Amino acid sequence: MIDLPFSSLLVSTGTVALSEIGDKTQLLALLLAARFRKPLPIIAGILVATLLNHAVSAWLGTVIAHWLTPDVLRWVVAVCFIAIALWTLKPDTLEDDAKLPAHGAFVATAIAFFLAEIGDKTQVATALLATKYSPLWQVISGTTLGMLVADVPVVLLGARFAHKLPLKAARITAAIVFLALGLWVALRGIG
């Protein structure tokens, strides 16, 4: 397999962009856009929250990778990717009575997105991608870019076009990507 100079960035971007479609944080982006109607502060809040959250997740992924033997790590990562593939098939919902912080659009978005990403499949995917791909800055940049690729159009277009997104097809595609990553790791190992 040829290792392209930015393959970690590309894989991370594509993986997270696909898995974010229909995710609760994408629904949160839609809710924030409808509530505040200020796209630039919302996009900036998504960027800051995602960079922070994914940087911590990627760092934790590399720390965990050093604690486990390569063979154990291989199977943990493979099983986790396959579990995320199954998790991706389940549509996320955002409760109608979800409370948003009463601050400005940027602060509300940054806080809400950071908290919503905790334990989310894109956060878990970031940690897993960091165990397999390097350099770390490409993984963090890629997963953050993937979030923006999926969420910025939702913020800009708002509720008007959200119902036209092919969410089921996107979830199936993302599940296939995670399944392929899981099988790849199971067959080829980490690294």
Protein backbone atom coordinates (compact mmCIF):
# COMPACT_ATOMS: atom_id res chain seq x y z
CA MET A 1 0.00 0.00 0.00
CA ILE A 2 1.35 3.43 -0.95
CA ASP A 3 1.49 5.88 1.95
CA LEU A 4 0.53 9.29 0.59
CA PRO A 5 1.89 12.38 2.37
CA PHE A 6 -1.51 13.38 3.74
CA SER A 7 -3.26 10.00 3.87
CA SER A 8 -3.92 10.33 7.64
CA LEU A 9 -5.58 13.68 7.05
CA LEU A 10 -7.70 12.36 4.19
CA VAL A 11 -8.80 9.17 5.95
CA SER A 12 -9.64 11.10 9.13
CA THR A 13 -11.58 13.76 7.24
CA GLY A 14 -13.63 11.29 5.22
CA THR A 15 -14.33 8.96 8.11
CA VAL A 16 -15.62 11.68 10.43
CA ALA A 17 -17.48 13.60 7.71
CA LEU A 18 -19.46 10.49 6.82
CA SER A 19 -20.12 9.47 10.41
CA GLU A 20 -21.26 12.98 11.36
CA ILE A 21 -24.15 12.98 8.88
CA GLY A 22 -27.32 12.51 10.89
CA ASP A 23 -25.37 12.53 14.18
CA LYS A 24 -26.69 14.36 17.24
CA THR A 25 -24.06 17.08 16.87
CA GLN A 26 -25.22 17.73 13.33
CA LEU A 27 -28.76 18.02 14.65
CA LEU A 28 -27.39 20.36 17.32
CA ALA A 29 -25.82 22.49 14.57
CA LEU A 30 -29.23 22.72 12.92
CA LEU A 31 -30.88 23.68 16.20
CA LEU A 32 -28.25 26.34 16.91
CA ALA A 33 -28.59 27.76 13.39
CA ALA A 34 -32.36 28.00 13.78
CA ARG A 35 -32.09 29.57 17.22
CA PHE A 36 -29.31 32.12 16.73
CA ARG A 37 -29.35 32.73 12.95
CA LYS A 38 -25.67 33.76 13.13
CA PRO A 39 -23.71 31.26 11.02
CA LEU A 40 -20.16 32.58 11.53
CA PRO A 41 -20.13 32.49 15.35
CA ILE A 42 -21.77 29.05 15.25
CA ILE A 43 -19.17 27.72 12.80
CA ALA A 44 -16.37 29.23 14.93
CA GLY A 45 -17.86 27.56 18.03
CA ILE A 46 -18.00 24.19 16.24
CA LEU A 47 -14.36 24.62 15.15
CA VAL A 48 -13.06 25.48 18.64
CA ALA A 49 -15.09 22.78 20.43
CA THR A 50 -14.14 20.10 17.92
CA LEU A 51 -10.44 21.00 17.92
CA LEU A 52 -10.30 20.81 21.71
CA ASN A 53 -12.40 17.65 22.00
CA HIS A 54 -10.64 15.79 19.20
CA ALA A 55 -7.16 16.85 20.34
CA VAL A 56 -7.83 15.32 23.76
CA SER A 57 -9.40 12.23 22.14
CA ALA A 58 -6.49 11.70 19.75
CA TRP A 59 -3.96 12.17 22.54
CA LEU A 60 -5.82 9.62 24.69
CA GLY A 61 -5.87 7.24 21.73
CA THR A 62 -2.09 7.41 21.44
CA VAL A 63 -1.64 6.99 25.21
CA ILE A 64 -3.84 3.91 25.22
CA ALA A 65 -1.95 2.57 22.22
CA HIS A 66 1.29 2.70 24.23
CA TRP A 67 -0.24 0.80 27.18
CA LEU A 68 -1.42 -2.17 25.16
CA THR A 69 0.63 -4.73 23.31
CA PRO A 70 0.34 -4.41 19.53
CA ASP A 71 -1.69 -7.62 19.26
CA VAL A 72 -4.17 -6.62 22.00
CA LEU A 73 -4.43 -3.10 20.55
CA ARG A 74 -5.09 -4.56 17.10
CA TRP A 75 -8.13 -6.49 18.31
CA VAL A 76 -9.43 -3.69 20.57
CA VAL A 77 -9.29 -1.22 17.67
CA ALA A 78 -10.82 -3.71 15.21
CA VAL A 79 -13.72 -4.53 17.56
CA CYS A 80 -14.27 -0.83 18.33
CA PHE A 81 -14.37 0.13 14.63
CA ILE A 82 -16.88 -2.66 13.97
CA ALA A 83 -18.95 -1.54 16.98
CA ILE A 84 -18.93 2.04 15.64
CA ALA A 85 -20.10 0.66 12.27
CA LEU A 86 -23.13 -0.85 14.00
CA TRP A 87 -23.63 2.28 16.15
CA THR A 88 -23.60 4.44 13.01
CA LEU A 89 -26.63 2.59 11.64
CA LYS A 90 -28.75 3.83 14.57
CA PRO A 91 -30.10 7.33 13.85
CA ASP A 92 -29.40 9.96 16.49
CA THR A 93 -32.10 12.24 17.80
CA LEU A 94 -31.98 15.47 19.71
CA GLU A 95 -34.61 15.89 22.37
CA ASP A 96 -37.11 18.65 21.65
CA ASP A 97 -36.69 20.06 25.14
CA ALA A 98 -32.89 20.19 24.91
CA LYS A 99 -31.64 23.25 26.75
CA LEU A 100 -29.11 25.50 25.07
CA PRO A 101 -26.90 27.87 27.04
CA ALA A 102 -28.35 31.38 27.14
CA HIS A 103 -25.02 32.93 26.03
CA GLY A 104 -24.09 34.29 22.65
CA ALA A 105 -24.01 32.05 19.61
CA PHE A 106 -20.25 31.37 19.78
CA VAL A 107 -20.11 30.50 23.50
CA ALA A 108 -23.35 28.50 23.35
CA THR A 109 -22.09 26.52 20.36
CA ALA A 110 -18.63 25.89 21.81
CA ILE A 111 -20.04 24.64 25.12
CA ALA A 112 -22.89 22.64 23.62
CA PHE A 113 -20.69 21.02 20.94
CA PHE A 114 -17.88 20.16 23.32
CA LEU A 115 -20.30 18.47 25.72
CA ALA A 116 -22.29 16.75 22.96
CA GLU A 117 -19.09 15.26 21.50
CA ILE A 118 -18.15 13.54 24.76
CA GLY A 119 -18.65 9.83 24.15
CA ASP A 120 -19.97 10.48 20.64
CA LYS A 121 -19.01 8.15 17.81
CA THR A 122 -16.89 10.83 16.13
CA GLN A 123 -14.91 11.29 19.36
CA VAL A 124 -14.39 7.55 19.68
CA ALA A 125 -13.44 7.38 16.00
CA THR A 126 -10.87 10.14 16.55
CA ALA A 127 -9.24 8.20 19.38
CA LEU A 128 -9.21 5.04 17.26
CA LEU A 129 -7.83 6.81 14.19
CA ALA A 130 -5.02 8.20 16.37
CA THR A 131 -4.01 4.65 17.31
CA LYS A 132 -3.56 3.71 13.66
CA TYR A 133 -2.55 6.88 11.80
CA SER A 134 0.14 9.49 12.24
CA PRO A 135 1.18 12.22 12.46
CA LEU A 136 -1.27 13.17 15.17
CA TRP A 137 -1.79 16.70 13.84
CA GLN A 138 -3.18 15.21 10.61
CA VAL A 139 -5.64 13.04 12.52
CA ILE A 140 -6.84 15.99 14.64
CA SER A 141 -6.98 18.33 11.64
CA GLY A 142 -8.73 15.69 9.56
CA THR A 143 -11.39 14.81 12.11
CA THR A 144 -12.03 18.50 12.78
CA LEU A 145 -12.25 19.20 9.05
CA GLY A 146 -14.63 16.24 8.70
CA MET A 147 -16.92 17.75 11.34
CA LEU A 148 -16.88 21.08 9.53
CA VAL A 149 -17.52 19.46 6.14
CA ALA A 150 -20.65 17.84 7.56
CA ASP A 151 -21.86 20.63 9.85
CA VAL A 152 -21.11 23.90 8.04
CA PRO A 153 -23.65 23.28 5.22
CA VAL A 154 -26.28 22.50 7.87
CA VAL A 155 -25.52 25.75 9.66
CA LEU A 156 -25.52 27.77 6.43
CA LEU A 157 -28.61 26.22 4.90
CA GLY A 158 -30.47 25.69 8.15
CA ALA A 159 -33.75 23.89 8.53
CA ARG A 160 -34.86 24.80 5.02
CA PHE A 161 -32.91 21.99 3.34
CA ALA A 162 -32.16 19.62 6.23
CA HIS A 163 -35.02 17.28 5.33
CA LYS A 164 -33.43 16.67 1.90
CA LEU A 165 -30.20 15.14 3.24
CA PRO A 166 -29.95 11.42 2.41
CA LEU A 167 -29.35 10.47 6.05
CA LYS A 168 -30.01 6.75 5.68
CA ALA A 169 -27.59 6.40 2.76
CA ALA A 170 -24.97 8.43 4.64
CA ARG A 171 -25.32 6.25 7.76
CA ILE A 172 -24.97 3.08 5.67
CA THR A 173 -21.90 4.49 3.89
CA ALA A 174 -20.32 5.52 7.20
CA ALA A 175 -21.06 2.07 8.67
CA ILE A 176 -19.36 0.44 5.69
CA VAL A 177 -16.30 2.69 6.14
CA PHE A 178 -16.03 1.82 9.84
CA LEU A 179 -16.58 -1.87 9.11
CA ALA A 180 -13.86 -1.76 6.45
CA LEU A 181 -11.48 -0.03 8.87
CA GLY A 182 -12.26 -2.65 11.54
CA LEU A 183 -11.67 -5.52 9.13
CA TRP A 184 -8.52 -3.87 7.80
CA VAL A 185 -7.08 -3.56 11.31
CA ALA A 186 -8.14 -7.13 12.17
CA LEU A 187 -6.43 -8.51 9.07
CA ARG A 188 -3.40 -6.20 8.78
CA GLY A 189 -2.84 -4.95 12.32
CA ILE A 190 -1.94 -1.47 13.57
CA GLY A 191 0.74 0.52 11.81
